[in-house]
Amino acid sequence: MKRGVSEVLGVVIVLLITVSASVFVVLWGFQSGRMTASSIMELYQRGQLRQGQLLSFVAHSERIVGSSTVISVWVYNYGSQPIKILYLFIDNKTQSNFTLYDDSGSPVDSIKPGMMTEIVVRVPYVVSGVQQGTSYNFFIYTTDDLAYAWTIHINEIYTNK
């Protein structure tokens, strides 16, 4: 008789372990599914934002002025929302001295939709890659957590003395 009770108790313990493991798996699955749905929603919202901010590279010029480099990059915003630059990098180095200009040459605080904008970067040193026949990386990170990057090839360089 004792042997039968022991077997029943063993079955009950195995069932409890199985049920608790199943509950854990189900709860984890619900949480994972909720996180996946949240991630999909974030991707959708980011995609909508990205469609509103379509930035296209148009032209560039580089000038060496004394011991510094002045880089001008013209971009066009094909989107429907303005783009504000949070960070600007040239060859992976943060550049803090930059100004945006509209078509008329007036300073602006963002790249407006449907407008050509000139980004003028005053680099306090001669950018090592700024030589005829070379390339450098130009990277913009916006206040909306979007990034734009171009590798710019230099055909001709100007020197102001």
C-alpha atoms as a PDB file:
ATOM      1  CA  MET A   1       0.000   0.000   0.000  1.00  0.00           C
ATOM      2  CA  LYS A   2       2.798   2.417   0.778  1.00  0.00           C
ATOM      3  CA  ARG A   3       4.224   1.854  -2.645  1.00  0.00           C
ATOM      4  CA  GLY A   4       0.997   3.075  -4.326  1.00  0.00           C
ATOM      5  CA  VAL A   5       0.935   6.319  -2.295  1.00  0.00           C
ATOM      6  CA  SER A   6       4.523   7.028  -3.243  1.00  0.00           C
ATOM      7  CA  GLU A   7       3.764   6.624  -6.952  1.00  0.00           C
ATOM      8  CA  VAL A   8       0.722   8.914  -6.709  1.00  0.00           C
ATOM      9  CA  LEU A   9       2.764  11.524  -4.842  1.00  0.00           C
ATOM     10  CA  GLY A  10       5.446  11.305  -7.518  1.00  0.00           C
ATOM     11  CA  VAL A  11       2.868  11.855 -10.268  1.00  0.00           C
ATOM     12  CA  VAL A  12       1.436  14.863  -8.402  1.00  0.00           C
ATOM     13  CA  ILE A  13       4.897  16.402  -8.015  1.00  0.00           C
ATOM     14  CA  VAL A  14       5.692  15.870 -11.708  1.00  0.00           C
ATOM     15  CA  LEU A  15       2.324  17.449 -12.626  1.00  0.00           C
ATOM     16  CA  LEU A  16       3.023  20.475 -10.413  1.00  0.00           C
ATOM     17  CA  ILE A  17       6.454  20.950 -11.998  1.00  0.00           C
ATOM     18  CA  THR A  18       4.965  20.604 -15.482  1.00  0.00           C
ATOM     19  CA  VAL A  19       2.122  23.056 -14.789  1.00  0.00           C
ATOM     20  CA  SER A  20       4.415  25.659 -13.198  1.00  0.00           C
ATOM     21  CA  ALA A  21       6.884  25.361 -16.101  1.00  0.00           C
ATOM     22  CA  SER A  22       3.978  25.723 -18.562  1.00  0.00           C
ATOM     23  CA  VAL A  23       2.708  28.829 -16.753  1.00  0.00           C
ATOM     24  CA  PHE A  24       6.203  30.308 -16.878  1.00  0.00           C
ATOM     25  CA  VAL A  25       6.512  29.602 -20.627  1.00  0.00           C
ATOM     26  CA  VAL A  26       3.046  31.048 -21.353  1.00  0.00           C
ATOM     27  CA  LEU A  27       3.746  34.234 -19.351  1.00  0.00           C
ATOM     28  CA  TRP A  28       7.123  34.625 -21.039  1.00  0.00           C
ATOM     29  CA  GLY A  29       5.438  34.162 -24.426  1.00  0.00           C
ATOM     30  CA  PHE A  30       2.868  36.869 -23.673  1.00  0.00           C
ATOM     31  CA  GLN A  31       5.587  39.275 -22.556  1.00  0.00           C
ATOM     32  CA  SER A  32       7.690  38.476 -25.609  1.00  0.00           C
ATOM     33  CA  GLY A  33       4.698  38.963 -27.870  1.00  0.00           C
ATOM     34  CA  ARG A  34       3.922  42.309 -26.262  1.00  0.00           C
ATOM     35  CA  MET A  35       7.548  43.406 -26.761  1.00  0.00           C
ATOM     36  CA  THR A  36       7.451  42.273 -30.388  1.00  0.00           C
ATOM     37  CA  ALA A  37       4.231  44.208 -30.999  1.00  0.00           C
ATOM     38  CA  SER A  38       5.810  47.262 -29.369  1.00  0.00           C
ATOM     39  CA  SER A  39       8.932  46.889 -31.537  1.00  0.00           C
ATOM     40  CA  ILE A  40       6.822  46.557 -34.688  1.00  0.00           C
ATOM     41  CA  MET A  41       4.902  49.708 -33.739  1.00  0.00           C
ATOM     42  CA  GLU A  42       8.139  51.600 -33.135  1.00  0.00           C
ATOM     43  CA  LEU A  43       9.462  50.471 -36.529  1.00  0.00           C
ATOM     44  CA  TYR A  44       6.228  51.613 -38.167  1.00  0.00           C
ATOM     45  CA  GLN A  45       6.414  55.027 -36.475  1.00  0.00           C
ATOM     46  CA  ARG A  46      10.095  55.362 -37.382  1.00  0.00           C
ATOM     47  CA  GLY A  47       9.257  54.475 -40.982  1.00  0.00           C
ATOM     48  CA  GLN A  48       6.583  57.173 -41.082  1.00  0.00           C
ATOM     49  CA  LEU A  49       9.069  59.691 -39.692  1.00  0.00           C
ATOM     50  CA  ARG A  50      11.713  58.564 -42.175  1.00  0.00           C
ATOM     51  CA  GLN A  51       9.256  59.066 -45.059  1.00  0.00           C
ATOM     52  CA  GLY A  52       8.674  62.616 -43.826  1.00  0.00           C
ATOM     53  CA  GLN A  53      12.413  63.308 -43.835  1.00  0.00           C
ATOM     54  CA  LEU A  54      13.953  62.404 -47.173  1.00  0.00           C
ATOM     55  CA  LEU A  55      17.371  63.992 -47.475  1.00  0.00           C
ATOM     56  CA  SER A  56      19.339  63.914 -50.703  1.00  0.00           C
ATOM     57  CA  PHE A  57      22.966  64.885 -51.280  1.00  0.00           C
ATOM     58  CA  VAL A  58      23.316  67.419 -54.117  1.00  0.00           C
ATOM     59  CA  ALA A  59      26.850  68.888 -54.242  1.00  0.00           C
ATOM     60  CA  HIS A  60      29.951  69.690 -52.203  1.00  0.00           C
ATOM     61  CA  SER A  61      33.039  71.894 -52.139  1.00  0.00           C
ATOM     62  CA  GLU A  62      36.131  72.035 -49.958  1.00  0.00           C
ATOM     63  CA  ARG A  63      38.440  74.977 -49.281  1.00  0.00           C
ATOM     64  CA  ILE A  64      41.580  75.073 -47.218  1.00  0.00           C
ATOM     65  CA  VAL A  65      41.788  78.427 -45.435  1.00  0.00           C
ATOM     66  CA  GLY A  66      45.055  78.818 -43.557  1.00  0.00           C
ATOM     67  CA  SER A  67      45.288  75.889 -41.142  1.00  0.00           C
ATOM     68  CA  SER A  68      41.598  74.958 -41.316  1.00  0.00           C
ATOM     69  CA  THR A  69      39.192  73.383 -43.785  1.00  0.00           C
ATOM     70  CA  VAL A  70      35.820  74.791 -44.841  1.00  0.00           C
ATOM     71  CA  ILE A  71      33.516  72.105 -46.198  1.00  0.00           C
ATOM     72  CA  SER A  72      30.237  72.993 -47.903  1.00  0.00           C
ATOM     73  CA  VAL A  73      27.655  70.313 -48.591  1.00  0.00           C
ATOM     74  CA  TRP A  74      24.342  71.065 -50.318  1.00  0.00           C
ATOM     75  CA  VAL A  75      21.378  68.835 -49.478  1.00  0.00           C
ATOM     76  CA  TYR A  76      17.713  68.823 -50.472  1.00  0.00           C
ATOM     77  CA  ASN A  77      14.853  67.698 -48.215  1.00  0.00           C
ATOM     78  CA  TYR A  78      12.306  65.859 -50.398  1.00  0.00           C
ATOM     79  CA  GLY A  79      10.199  65.041 -47.348  1.00  0.00           C
ATOM     80  CA  SER A  80       7.401  66.871 -45.577  1.00  0.00           C
ATOM     81  CA  GLN A  81       9.132  67.547 -42.235  1.00  0.00           C
ATOM     82  CA  PRO A  82      12.073  69.776 -41.312  1.00  0.00           C
ATOM     83  CA  ILE A  83      15.332  68.099 -40.324  1.00  0.00           C
ATOM     84  CA  LYS A  84      17.371  69.399 -37.387  1.00  0.00           C
ATOM     85  CA  ILE A  85      20.977  68.271 -37.118  1.00  0.00           C
ATOM     86  CA  LEU A  86      22.013  67.093 -33.660  1.00  0.00           C
ATOM     87  CA  TYR A  87      25.498  65.810 -34.534  1.00  0.00           C
ATOM     88  CA  LEU A  88      27.684  66.104 -37.599  1.00  0.00           C
ATOM     89  CA  PHE A  89      30.747  63.928 -38.196  1.00  0.00           C
ATOM     90  CA  ILE A  90      33.511  64.115 -40.758  1.00  0.00           C
ATOM     91  CA  ASP A  91      35.624  60.973 -40.914  1.00  0.00           C
ATOM     92  CA  ASN A  92      34.161  59.832 -37.562  1.00  0.00           C
ATOM     93  CA  LYS A  93      35.147  63.066 -35.778  1.00  0.00           C
ATOM     94  CA  THR A  94      32.400  65.200 -34.239  1.00  0.00           C
ATOM     95  CA  GLN A  95      32.177  68.675 -35.783  1.00  0.00           C
ATOM     96  CA  SER A  96      30.490  71.349 -33.680  1.00  0.00           C
ATOM     97  CA  ASN A  97      31.227  74.410 -35.826  1.00  0.00           C
ATOM     98  CA  PHE A  98      28.673  74.190 -38.626  1.00  0.00           C
ATOM     99  CA  THR A  99      25.983  76.514 -39.988  1.00  0.00           C
ATOM    100  CA  LEU A 100      22.982  75.881 -42.246  1.00  0.00           C
ATOM    101  CA  TYR A 101      22.110  78.376 -45.011  1.00  0.00           C
ATOM    102  CA  ASP A 102      19.016  78.537 -47.206  1.00  0.00           C
ATOM    103  CA  ASP A 103      18.955  79.332 -50.964  1.00  0.00           C
ATOM    104  CA  SER A 104      19.311  83.062 -50.328  1.00  0.00           C
ATOM    105  CA  GLY A 105      22.335  82.601 -48.039  1.00  0.00           C
ATOM    106  CA  SER A 106      20.464  83.331 -44.811  1.00  0.00           C
ATOM    107  CA  PRO A 107      21.272  81.179 -41.755  1.00  0.00           C
ATOM    108  CA  VAL A 108      18.518  78.689 -40.817  1.00  0.00           C
ATOM    109  CA  ASP A 109      18.100  76.268 -37.915  1.00  0.00           C
ATOM    110  CA  SER A 110      16.851  73.267 -39.901  1.00  0.00           C
ATOM    111  CA  ILE A 111      16.707  71.746 -43.366  1.00  0.00           C
ATOM    112  CA  LYS A 112      13.235  72.767 -44.494  1.00  0.00           C
ATOM    113  CA  PRO A 113      11.050  70.537 -46.708  1.00  0.00           C
ATOM    114  CA  GLY A 114      11.292  71.322 -50.413  1.00  0.00           C
ATOM    115  CA  MET A 115      14.396  73.461 -49.993  1.00  0.00           C
ATOM    116  CA  MET A 116      18.047  73.274 -50.891  1.00  0.00           C
ATOM    117  CA  THR A 117      20.226  73.881 -47.824  1.00  0.00           C
ATOM    118  CA  GLU A 118      23.957  74.474 -47.616  1.00  0.00           C
ATOM    119  CA  ILE A 119      25.749  72.983 -44.629  1.00  0.00           C
ATOM    120  CA  VAL A 120      29.003  74.834 -44.007  1.00  0.00           C
ATOM    121  CA  VAL A 121      31.431  73.088 -41.661  1.00  0.00           C
ATOM    122  CA  ARG A 122      34.446  74.983 -40.363  1.00  0.00           C
ATOM    123  CA  VAL A 123      36.931  72.309 -39.362  1.00  0.00           C
ATOM    124  CA  PRO A 124      39.698  73.816 -37.168  1.00  0.00           C
ATOM    125  CA  TYR A 125      42.377  71.708 -38.831  1.00  0.00           C
ATOM    126  CA  VAL A 126      43.241  70.557 -42.330  1.00  0.00           C
ATOM    127  CA  VAL A 127      41.203  67.401 -42.824  1.00  0.00           C
ATOM    128  CA  SER A 128      43.783  64.783 -43.745  1.00  0.00           C
ATOM    129  CA  GLY A 129      41.555  63.186 -46.362  1.00  0.00           C
ATOM    130  CA  VAL A 130      40.742  66.488 -48.068  1.00  0.00           C
ATOM    131  CA  GLN A 131      43.002  66.191 -51.068  1.00  0.00           C
ATOM    132  CA  GLN A 132      42.234  65.951 -54.739  1.00  0.00           C
ATOM    133  CA  GLY A 133      41.429  62.365 -55.686  1.00  0.00           C
ATOM    134  CA  THR A 134      40.547  61.242 -52.149  1.00  0.00           C
ATOM    135  CA  SER A 135      37.301  60.690 -50.240  1.00  0.00           C
ATOM    136  CA  TYR A 136      35.920  61.476 -46.799  1.00  0.00           C
ATOM    137  CA  ASN A 137      32.810  60.420 -44.864  1.00  0.00           C
ATOM    138  CA  PHE A 138      30.119  62.999 -44.065  1.00  0.00           C
ATOM    139  CA  PHE A 139      27.617  61.837 -41.455  1.00  0.00           C
ATOM    140  CA  ILE A 140      24.536  63.629 -40.039  1.00  0.00           C
ATOM    141  CA  TYR A 141      22.588  62.490 -36.979  1.00  0.00           C
ATOM    142  CA  THR A 142      19.251  64.265 -36.444  1.00  0.00           C
ATOM    143  CA  THR A 143      17.215  65.226 -33.375  1.00  0.00           C
ATOM    144  CA  ASP A 144      14.697  62.542 -34.483  1.00  0.00           C
ATOM    145  CA  ASP A 145      17.346  59.775 -34.200  1.00  0.00           C
ATOM    146  CA  LEU A 146      17.727  59.415 -37.960  1.00  0.00           C
ATOM    147  CA  ALA A 147      21.098  59.197 -39.668  1.00  0.00           C
ATOM    148  CA  TYR A 148      22.329  60.173 -43.121  1.00  0.00           C
ATOM    149  CA  ALA A 149      25.799  59.349 -44.423  1.00  0.00           C
ATOM    150  CA  TRP A 150      27.692  59.970 -47.641  1.00  0.00           C
ATOM    151  CA  THR A 151      31.181  59.199 -48.823  1.00  0.00           C
ATOM    152  CA  ILE A 152      32.299  62.297 -50.708  1.00  0.00           C
ATOM    153  CA  HIS A 153      34.914  62.030 -53.447  1.00  0.00           C
ATOM    154  CA  ILE A 154      37.020  65.141 -54.059  1.00  0.00           C
ATOM    155  CA  ASN A 155      37.695  66.105 -57.663  1.00  0.00           C
ATOM    156  CA  GLU A 156      39.181  69.545 -57.051  1.00  0.00           C
ATOM    157  CA  ILE A 157      40.215  71.518 -53.974  1.00  0.00           C
ATOM    158  CA  TYR A 158      40.447  75.290 -53.500  1.00  0.00           C
ATOM    159  CA  THR A 159      42.948  77.140 -51.333  1.00  0.00           C
ATOM    160  CA  ASN A 160      42.360  80.613 -49.886  1.00  0.00           C
ATOM    161  CA  LYS A 161      45.447  82.300 -48.503  1.00  0.00           C
END
